[in-house]
C-alpha atoms as a PDB file:
ATOM      1  CA  MET A   1      28.719 -34.993  13.095  1.00  0.00           C
ATOM      2  CA  THR A   2      28.164 -38.187  11.191  1.00  0.00           C
ATOM      3  CA  SER A   3      25.059 -38.241   8.884  1.00  0.00           C
ATOM      4  CA  LEU A   4      22.352 -40.424  10.399  1.00  0.00           C
ATOM      5  CA  ARG A   5      20.605 -41.009   6.976  1.00  0.00           C
ATOM      6  CA  ILE A   6      17.189 -41.266   8.535  1.00  0.00           C
ATOM      7  CA  CYS A   7      15.654 -38.138   7.443  1.00  0.00           C
ATOM      8  CA  GLY A   8      11.805 -38.151   7.313  1.00  0.00           C
ATOM      9  CA  ASN A   9      11.190 -40.539   9.981  1.00  0.00           C
ATOM     10  CA  VAL A  10       9.565 -39.613  13.381  1.00  0.00           C
ATOM     11  CA  ALA A  11      12.399 -38.657  15.745  1.00  0.00           C
ATOM     12  CA  VAL A  12      10.332 -37.685  18.905  1.00  0.00           C
ATOM     13  CA  ALA A  13       6.611 -37.675  19.525  1.00  0.00           C
ATOM     14  CA  ALA A  14       4.818 -36.114  22.404  1.00  0.00           C
ATOM     15  CA  SER A  15       1.189 -37.295  22.717  1.00  0.00           C
ATOM     16  CA  ASP A  16      -1.552 -35.654  24.936  1.00  0.00           C
ATOM     17  CA  ILE A  17       0.896 -34.021  27.381  1.00  0.00           C
ATOM     18  CA  ALA A  18      -0.546 -32.458  30.534  1.00  0.00           C
ATOM     19  CA  PHE A  19       1.624 -30.839  33.212  1.00  0.00           C
ATOM     20  CA  ALA A  20       0.871 -28.679  36.271  1.00  0.00           C
ATOM     21  CA  TYR A  21       2.763 -27.206  39.195  1.00  0.00           C
ATOM     22  CA  GLY A  22       0.256 -27.863  42.115  1.00  0.00           C
ATOM     23  CA  SER A  23      -3.031 -26.317  41.056  1.00  0.00           C
ATOM     24  CA  ARG A  24      -1.484 -24.323  38.282  1.00  0.00           C
ATOM     25  CA  THR A  25      -1.916 -25.818  34.838  1.00  0.00           C
ATOM     26  CA  ILE A  26       1.080 -25.228  32.620  1.00  0.00           C
ATOM     27  CA  LEU A  27       0.433 -27.617  29.645  1.00  0.00           C
ATOM     28  CA  HIS A  28      -2.656 -29.372  28.538  1.00  0.00           C
ATOM     29  CA  ASP A  29      -3.477 -31.676  25.560  1.00  0.00           C
ATOM     30  CA  ILE A  30      -0.231 -30.962  23.833  1.00  0.00           C
ATOM     31  CA  SER A  31       0.756 -33.315  20.884  1.00  0.00           C
ATOM     32  CA  LEU A  32       3.788 -32.628  18.856  1.00  0.00           C
ATOM     33  CA  THR A  33       5.774 -34.718  16.401  1.00  0.00           C
ATOM     34  CA  VAL A  34       9.369 -33.814  15.081  1.00  0.00           C
ATOM     35  CA  ASN A  35      10.995 -35.657  12.229  1.00  0.00           C
ATOM     36  CA  TYR A  36      14.641 -36.405  11.774  1.00  0.00           C
ATOM     37  CA  GLY A  37      16.076 -33.891   9.373  1.00  0.00           C
ATOM     38  CA  GLU A  38      14.178 -30.813  10.426  1.00  0.00           C
ATOM     39  CA  VAL A  39      14.552 -27.731  12.656  1.00  0.00           C
ATOM     40  CA  VAL A  40      11.375 -27.042  14.662  1.00  0.00           C
ATOM     41  CA  GLY A  41      10.963 -23.713  16.494  1.00  0.00           C
ATOM     42  CA  LEU A  42       8.960 -23.571  19.828  1.00  0.00           C
ATOM     43  CA  LEU A  43       7.531 -20.007  19.914  1.00  0.00           C
ATOM     44  CA  GLY A  44       5.099 -18.094  22.120  1.00  0.00           C
ATOM     45  CA  PRO A  45       4.830 -15.507  24.792  1.00  0.00           C
ATOM     46  CA  ASN A  46       6.508 -15.840  28.130  1.00  0.00           C
ATOM     47  CA  GLY A  47       4.954 -18.304  30.461  1.00  0.00           C
ATOM     48  CA  THR A  48       3.252 -20.389  27.768  1.00  0.00           C
ATOM     49  CA  GLY A  49       5.089 -23.567  28.787  1.00  0.00           C
ATOM     50  CA  LYS A  50       7.852 -23.890  26.043  1.00  0.00           C
ATOM     51  CA  SER A  51      10.610 -24.769  28.513  1.00  0.00           C
ATOM     52  CA  THR A  52       8.361 -27.104  30.481  1.00  0.00           C
ATOM     53  CA  LEU A  53       7.470 -28.918  27.222  1.00  0.00           C
ATOM     54  CA  VAL A  54      11.092 -29.234  26.201  1.00  0.00           C
ATOM     55  CA  GLY A  55      11.812 -30.610  29.751  1.00  0.00           C
ATOM     56  CA  ILE A  56       9.086 -33.245  29.350  1.00  0.00           C
ATOM     57  CA  MET A  57      10.159 -34.118  25.719  1.00  0.00           C
ATOM     58  CA  ALA A  58      13.747 -34.505  26.958  1.00  0.00           C
ATOM     59  CA  GLY A  59      12.799 -36.751  29.724  1.00  0.00           C
ATOM     60  CA  ASP A  60      13.875 -34.397  32.563  1.00  0.00           C
ATOM     61  CA  LEU A  61      10.290 -33.731  33.659  1.00  0.00           C
ATOM     62  CA  GLU A  62       7.559 -36.223  34.127  1.00  0.00           C
ATOM     63  CA  PRO A  63       4.101 -35.261  32.719  1.00  0.00           C
ATOM     64  CA  GLN A  64       0.941 -35.718  34.623  1.00  0.00           C
ATOM     65  CA  ALA A  65      -0.591 -37.298  31.451  1.00  0.00           C
ATOM     66  CA  GLY A  66       0.526 -38.314  28.107  1.00  0.00           C
ATOM     67  CA  THR A  67       3.700 -39.956  26.727  1.00  0.00           C
ATOM     68  CA  VAL A  68       6.801 -39.131  24.936  1.00  0.00           C
ATOM     69  CA  ALA A  69       8.510 -41.587  22.506  1.00  0.00           C
ATOM     70  CA  TYR A  70      11.708 -41.512  20.591  1.00  0.00           C
ATOM     71  CA  GLY A  71      11.682 -43.431  17.185  1.00  0.00           C
ATOM     72  CA  GLY A  72       8.524 -45.182  18.317  1.00  0.00           C
ATOM     73  CA  THR A  73      10.059 -46.364  21.609  1.00  0.00           C
ATOM     74  CA  ASP A  74       8.546 -44.995  24.898  1.00  0.00           C
ATOM     75  CA  LEU A  75      10.933 -42.623  26.600  1.00  0.00           C
ATOM     76  CA  ILE A  76      10.391 -44.564  29.968  1.00  0.00           C
ATOM     77  CA  ASP A  77      11.979 -47.602  28.295  1.00  0.00           C
ATOM     78  CA  PHE A  78      15.289 -45.864  27.847  1.00  0.00           C
ATOM     79  CA  SER A  79      18.068 -46.169  30.433  1.00  0.00           C
ATOM     80  CA  ARG A  80      19.715 -42.890  31.607  1.00  0.00           C
ATOM     81  CA  ARG A  81      22.677 -43.612  29.458  1.00  0.00           C
ATOM     82  CA  GLU A  82      20.583 -44.620  26.426  1.00  0.00           C
ATOM     83  CA  LEU A  83      18.660 -41.308  26.809  1.00  0.00           C
ATOM     84  CA  ALA A  84      21.843 -39.360  26.884  1.00  0.00           C
ATOM     85  CA  GLN A  85      22.990 -41.069  23.787  1.00  0.00           C
ATOM     86  CA  THR A  86      19.758 -40.260  22.017  1.00  0.00           C
ATOM     87  CA  ARG A  87      19.039 -36.668  22.970  1.00  0.00           C
ATOM     88  CA  SER A  88      21.152 -33.648  24.166  1.00  0.00           C
ATOM     89  CA  VAL A  89      19.784 -30.567  25.885  1.00  0.00           C
ATOM     90  CA  MET A  90      21.109 -27.000  26.001  1.00  0.00           C
ATOM     91  CA  PRO A  91      19.161 -25.491  29.026  1.00  0.00           C
ATOM     92  CA  GLN A  92      17.872 -21.867  29.154  1.00  0.00           C
ATOM     93  CA  ALA A  93      19.865 -21.012  32.332  1.00  0.00           C
ATOM     94  CA  ILE A  94      23.481 -21.431  31.826  1.00  0.00           C
ATOM     95  CA  ASP A  95      25.531 -21.232  35.082  1.00  0.00           C
ATOM     96  CA  PHE A  96      28.882 -22.745  35.969  1.00  0.00           C
ATOM     97  CA  PRO A  97      29.399 -22.603  39.651  1.00  0.00           C
ATOM     98  CA  PHE A  98      32.790 -24.236  39.608  1.00  0.00           C
ATOM     99  CA  SER A  99      36.060 -23.148  37.896  1.00  0.00           C
ATOM    100  CA  TYR A 100      36.247 -25.784  35.206  1.00  0.00           C
ATOM    101  CA  MET A 101      38.222 -25.160  32.162  1.00  0.00           C
ATOM    102  CA  VAL A 102      36.263 -24.721  28.858  1.00  0.00           C
ATOM    103  CA  GLN A 103      37.699 -27.945  27.377  1.00  0.00           C
ATOM    104  CA  ASP A 104      36.575 -29.941  30.441  1.00  0.00           C
ATOM    105  CA  ILE A 105      32.991 -28.736  30.117  1.00  0.00           C
ATOM    106  CA  VAL A 106      32.881 -29.574  26.476  1.00  0.00           C
ATOM    107  CA  ALA A 107      34.442 -32.962  27.080  1.00  0.00           C
ATOM    108  CA  MET A 108      31.559 -33.758  29.434  1.00  0.00           C
ATOM    109  CA  GLY A 109      29.417 -34.337  26.273  1.00  0.00           C
ATOM    110  CA  ARG A 110      31.361 -37.661  25.743  1.00  0.00           C
ATOM    111  CA  GLN A 111      30.746 -39.142  29.085  1.00  0.00           C
ATOM    112  CA  CYS A 112      27.606 -41.227  27.964  1.00  0.00           C
ATOM    113  CA  TRP A 113      29.873 -42.995  25.298  1.00  0.00           C
ATOM    114  CA  ALA A 114      32.455 -45.618  25.685  1.00  0.00           C
ATOM    115  CA  PRO A 115      35.900 -43.965  25.886  1.00  0.00           C
ATOM    116  CA  ASN A 116      37.689 -43.717  22.513  1.00  0.00           C
ATOM    117  CA  PRO A 117      40.417 -41.039  23.109  1.00  0.00           C
ATOM    118  CA  GLN A 118      41.239 -40.207  19.519  1.00  0.00           C
ATOM    119  CA  HIS A 119      37.625 -39.943  18.299  1.00  0.00           C
ATOM    120  CA  ASP A 120      36.590 -38.126  21.511  1.00  0.00           C
ATOM    121  CA  GLN A 121      39.232 -35.517  21.047  1.00  0.00           C
ATOM    122  CA  GLU A 122      38.369 -35.127  17.306  1.00  0.00           C
ATOM    123  CA  ILE A 123      34.706 -34.404  18.346  1.00  0.00           C
ATOM    124  CA  ILE A 124      35.648 -31.981  21.048  1.00  0.00           C
ATOM    125  CA  SER A 125      38.000 -29.994  18.869  1.00  0.00           C
ATOM    126  CA  ALA A 126      35.443 -29.903  15.957  1.00  0.00           C
ATOM    127  CA  SER A 127      32.680 -28.791  18.331  1.00  0.00           C
ATOM    128  CA  LEU A 128      34.897 -26.001  19.854  1.00  0.00           C
ATOM    129  CA  ALA A 129      35.683 -24.773  16.361  1.00  0.00           C
ATOM    130  CA  ARG A 130      32.001 -24.837  14.990  1.00  0.00           C
ATOM    131  CA  THR A 131      30.898 -22.660  18.037  1.00  0.00           C
ATOM    132  CA  ASP A 132      33.777 -20.286  17.735  1.00  0.00           C
ATOM    133  CA  VAL A 133      35.285 -21.031  21.130  1.00  0.00           C
ATOM    134  CA  GLY A 134      38.255 -22.808  19.616  1.00  0.00           C
ATOM    135  CA  GLY A 135      40.839 -20.456  21.485  1.00  0.00           C
ATOM    136  CA  PHE A 136      39.077 -20.688  24.807  1.00  0.00           C
ATOM    137  CA  GLU A 137      40.135 -24.219  25.777  1.00  0.00           C
ATOM    138  CA  ASP A 138      42.233 -23.228  28.747  1.00  0.00           C
ATOM    139  CA  ARG A 139      40.038 -20.516  30.181  1.00  0.00           C
ATOM    140  CA  ASP A 140      37.970 -20.657  33.336  1.00  0.00           C
ATOM    141  CA  VAL A 141      34.269 -20.826  32.302  1.00  0.00           C
ATOM    142  CA  THR A 142      33.237 -18.752  35.379  1.00  0.00           C
ATOM    143  CA  ARG A 143      35.080 -15.881  33.674  1.00  0.00           C
ATOM    144  CA  LEU A 144      33.326 -16.006  30.414  1.00  0.00           C
ATOM    145  CA  SER A 145      30.673 -13.596  29.263  1.00  0.00           C
ATOM    146  CA  GLY A 146      27.035 -14.823  28.942  1.00  0.00           C
ATOM    147  CA  GLY A 147      27.360 -15.285  25.213  1.00  0.00           C
ATOM    148  CA  GLU A 148      30.666 -17.184  25.575  1.00  0.00           C
ATOM    149  CA  LYS A 149      29.046 -19.436  28.032  1.00  0.00           C
ATOM    150  CA  ALA A 150      26.145 -20.138  25.795  1.00  0.00           C
ATOM    151  CA  ARG A 151      28.540 -21.134  22.999  1.00  0.00           C
ATOM    152  CA  VAL A 152      30.587 -23.446  25.294  1.00  0.00           C
ATOM    153  CA  THR A 153      27.302 -25.048  26.259  1.00  0.00           C
ATOM    154  CA  LEU A 154      26.377 -25.556  22.603  1.00  0.00           C
ATOM    155  CA  ALA A 155      29.783 -27.110  22.012  1.00  0.00           C
ATOM    156  CA  ARG A 156      29.209 -29.518  24.814  1.00  0.00           C
ATOM    157  CA  VAL A 157      25.784 -30.473  23.306  1.00  0.00           C
ATOM    158  CA  LEU A 158      27.422 -31.153  19.875  1.00  0.00           C
ATOM    159  CA  THR A 159      30.008 -33.439  21.372  1.00  0.00           C
ATOM    160  CA  GLN A 160      27.204 -35.636  22.758  1.00  0.00           C
ATOM    161  CA  GLU A 161      26.519 -36.639  19.151  1.00  0.00           C
ATOM    162  CA  ALA A 162      22.710 -37.259  19.949  1.00  0.00           C
ATOM    163  CA  SER A 163      20.252 -37.813  17.295  1.00  0.00           C
ATOM    164  CA  VAL A 164      17.717 -35.442  18.881  1.00  0.00           C
ATOM    165  CA  VAL A 165      18.862 -31.939  20.056  1.00  0.00           C
ATOM    166  CA  PHE A 166      16.936 -29.645  22.345  1.00  0.00           C
ATOM    167  CA  LEU A 167      17.967 -26.062  22.627  1.00  0.00           C
ATOM    168  CA  ASP A 168      16.288 -23.685  25.078  1.00  0.00           C
ATOM    169  CA  GLU A 169      16.726 -20.086  23.828  1.00  0.00           C
ATOM    170  CA  PRO A 170      20.108 -20.838  22.225  1.00  0.00           C
ATOM    171  CA  THR A 171      20.536 -17.402  20.697  1.00  0.00           C
ATOM    172  CA  ALA A 172      19.317 -15.274  23.653  1.00  0.00           C
ATOM    173  CA  ALA A 173      22.710 -14.096  24.883  1.00  0.00           C
ATOM    174  CA  LEU A 174      24.394 -13.878  21.585  1.00  0.00           C
ATOM    175  CA  ASP A 175      25.355 -11.124  19.171  1.00  0.00           C
ATOM    176  CA  ILE A 176      23.822 -10.999  15.617  1.00  0.00           C
ATOM    177  CA  ALA A 177      26.759 -12.887  14.008  1.00  0.00           C
ATOM    178  CA  HIS A 178      26.699 -15.748  16.669  1.00  0.00           C
ATOM    179  CA  GLN A 179      22.957 -15.812  16.456  1.00  0.00           C
ATOM    180  CA  GLU A 180      23.185 -16.551  12.738  1.00  0.00           C
ATOM    181  CA  ARG A 181      25.973 -19.135  13.229  1.00  0.00           C
ATOM    182  CA  THR A 182      23.954 -20.840  15.848  1.00  0.00           C
ATOM    183  CA  MET A 183      21.114 -21.287  13.439  1.00  0.00           C
ATOM    184  CA  GLN A 184      23.380 -22.397  10.756  1.00  0.00           C
ATOM    185  CA  ILE A 185      24.573 -25.095  12.979  1.00  0.00           C
ATOM    186  CA  CYS A 186      20.960 -26.089  13.670  1.00  0.00           C
ATOM    187  CA  ARG A 187      20.401 -26.270   9.883  1.00  0.00           C
ATOM    188  CA  GLU A 188      23.609 -28.384   9.305  1.00  0.00           C
ATOM    189  CA  LEU A 189      22.570 -30.729  12.163  1.00  0.00           C
ATOM    190  CA  ALA A 190      19.109 -31.138  10.374  1.00  0.00           C
ATOM    191  CA  GLN A 191      20.779 -31.721   6.994  1.00  0.00           C
ATOM    192  CA  ALA A 192      23.021 -34.465   8.599  1.00  0.00           C
ATOM    193  CA  GLY A 193      19.705 -36.161   9.718  1.00  0.00           C
ATOM    194  CA  HIS A 194      19.334 -34.977  13.271  1.00  0.00           C
ATOM    195  CA  ALA A 195      16.052 -33.543  14.743  1.00  0.00           C
ATOM    196  CA  VAL A 196      16.472 -30.118  16.345  1.00  0.00           C
ATOM    197  CA  ILE A 197      13.916 -28.493  18.610  1.00  0.00           C
ATOM    198  CA  ALA A 198      14.671 -24.911  19.611  1.00  0.00           C
ATOM    199  CA  VAL A 199      12.818 -22.685  21.928  1.00  0.00           C
ATOM    200  CA  MET A 200      13.040 -19.195  20.498  1.00  0.00           C
ATOM    201  CA  HIS A 201      11.616 -15.635  20.854  1.00  0.00           C
ATOM    202  CA  ASP A 202      12.970 -14.136  17.718  1.00  0.00           C
ATOM    203  CA  LEU A 203      10.293 -14.557  15.249  1.00  0.00           C
ATOM    204  CA  GLN A 204      12.522 -13.418  12.384  1.00  0.00           C
ATOM    205  CA  LEU A 205      15.195 -16.037  13.072  1.00  0.00           C
ATOM    206  CA  ALA A 206      12.618 -18.709  13.394  1.00  0.00           C
ATOM    207  CA  GLY A 207      11.002 -17.746  10.136  1.00  0.00           C
ATOM    208  CA  THR A 208      14.314 -17.906   8.327  1.00  0.00           C
ATOM    209  CA  HIS A 209      15.827 -20.957   9.748  1.00  0.00           C
ATOM    210  CA  CYS A 210      13.092 -23.308  10.896  1.00  0.00           C
ATOM    211  CA  ASP A 211      11.307 -25.873   8.882  1.00  0.00           C
ATOM    212  CA  ARG A 212       8.186 -25.765  11.079  1.00  0.00           C
ATOM    213  CA  ILE A 213       7.075 -23.649  13.940  1.00  0.00           C
ATOM    214  CA  ALA A 214       4.900 -24.695  16.933  1.00  0.00           C
ATOM    215  CA  LEU A 215       3.288 -21.597  18.276  1.00  0.00           C
ATOM    216  CA  MET A 216       2.347 -21.960  21.802  1.00  0.00           C
ATOM    217  CA  SER A 217      -0.500 -19.966  23.638  1.00  0.00           C
ATOM    218  CA  GLU A 218      -1.674 -20.526  27.260  1.00  0.00           C
ATOM    219  CA  GLY A 219      -0.308 -24.018  27.607  1.00  0.00           C
ATOM    220  CA  SER A 220      -1.429 -25.413  24.276  1.00  0.00           C
ATOM    221  CA  ILE A 221      -0.313 -25.331  20.617  1.00  0.00           C
ATOM    222  CA  ALA A 222      -2.115 -22.771  18.625  1.00  0.00           C
ATOM    223  CA  ALA A 223      -0.590 -23.637  15.347  1.00  0.00           C
ATOM    224  CA  TYR A 224       2.046 -26.064  14.100  1.00  0.00           C
ATOM    225  CA  ASP A 225       3.106 -25.689  10.447  1.00  0.00           C
ATOM    226  CA  THR A 226       5.611 -24.041   8.173  1.00  0.00           C
ATOM    227  CA  PRO A 227       6.741 -20.515   8.798  1.00  0.00           C
ATOM    228  CA  GLU A 228       4.684 -19.287   5.864  1.00  0.00           C
ATOM    229  CA  VAL A 229       1.536 -20.608   7.534  1.00  0.00           C
ATOM    230  CA  VAL A 230       2.241 -19.875  11.202  1.00  0.00           C
ATOM    231  CA  LEU A 231       3.738 -16.396  10.777  1.00  0.00           C
ATOM    232  CA  ASN A 232       0.659 -14.532   9.765  1.00  0.00           C
ATOM    233  CA  PRO A 233      -0.349 -11.293  11.266  1.00  0.00           C
ATOM    234  CA  GLU A 234      -3.734 -12.216  12.641  1.00  0.00           C
ATOM    235  CA  LEU A 235      -2.520 -15.280  14.407  1.00  0.00           C
ATOM    236  CA  LEU A 236       0.591 -13.505  15.900  1.00  0.00           C
ATOM    237  CA  THR A 237      -1.355 -10.523  16.847  1.00  0.00           C
ATOM    238  CA  ARG A 238      -3.913 -12.678  18.804  1.00  0.00           C
ATOM    239  CA  VAL A 239      -1.284 -14.933  20.434  1.00  0.00           C
ATOM    240  CA  TYR A 240       1.130 -12.227  21.560  1.00  0.00           C
ATOM    241  CA  ASN A 241      -1.642  -9.585  22.223  1.00  0.00           C
ATOM    242  CA  TRP A 242       0.235  -7.009  20.318  1.00  0.00           C
ATOM    243  CA  PRO A 243      -0.205  -5.747  16.719  1.00  0.00           C
ATOM    244  CA  ILE A 244       2.217  -7.559  14.383  1.00  0.00           C
ATOM    245  CA  ASP A 245       2.626  -7.284  10.705  1.00  0.00           C
ATOM    246  CA  VAL A 246       4.329  -9.718   8.349  1.00  0.00           C
ATOM    247  CA  ILE A 247       5.666  -8.744   4.879  1.00  0.00           C
ATOM    248  CA  ARG A 248       7.295 -10.769   2.197  1.00  0.00           C
ATOM    249  CA  VAL A 249      10.307  -9.180   0.654  1.00  0.00           C
ATOM    250  CA  ALA A 250      11.632  -9.559  -2.937  1.00  0.00           C
ATOM    251  CA  ASP A 251      13.728 -12.778  -2.123  1.00  0.00           C
ATOM    252  CA  GLY A 252      10.790 -14.510  -0.569  1.00  0.00           C
ATOM    253  CA  ARG A 253      11.750 -14.087   3.096  1.00  0.00           C
ATOM    254  CA  LEU A 254       9.218 -13.149   5.715  1.00  0.00           C
ATOM    255  CA  VAL A 255       9.778  -9.995   7.643  1.00  0.00           C
ATOM    256  CA  VAL A 256       8.005  -9.786  11.049  1.00  0.00           C
ATOM    257  CA  LEU A 257       7.226  -6.237  12.233  1.00  0.00           C
ATOM    258  CA  PRO A 258       5.864  -5.443  15.638  1.00  0.00           C
ATOM    259  CA  GLN A 259       3.841  -2.390  15.433  1.00  0.00           C
ATOM    260  CA  SER A 260       4.338   0.742  17.684  1.00  0.00           C
END
């Protein structure tokens, strides 16, 4: 993908977000800023509002309070096409109810742009190759494994060429090799100037690949900083309600160890 050359500037900012389903509060007083050129991990126990926050920041859910802005422009000022050109979303639940071919699913990422057949095909082919589904073009998506469907969905996200990329549990269905490859793609996107926000449950992957981590607890952000700051035993133990240890190995990496 083309380098955006805007690293360091604010890509997306959520301010004072609140959201509830009926009388059940999901998010309250959430403020979060993500810069171009970084990978931010959204972590926390189940039910803390991570996917809801992504939905609001992506413009798919409307908050009861607060605002979201892209590059300083309020999200509500974007048309649907402009929003699709600005941000792409990989959802947590990946289901293909119809028998599309893989190449057709991936090509859907180009629909928000004016047709340019040669460029479109180059982007589609590159995205298929990057996500290791280059040999799947003519396969029926309903017959793919869960991990293969996840990689096809990521390829569709890449073809959209959005400057802000939301990924909701992108590694959940993947084997170790494809987990690492997916996080490498996130790193490459950030290096090219994109902003990447990924909901994750694997603390180790987040600590290795994210520039910053937003640790959520009970609908709010308990900490937002570098992995070295956020991944500390006392904080993790309190948020996850389970004893967790963190050690630093010889090469400087953090190793997160849940206790039995």
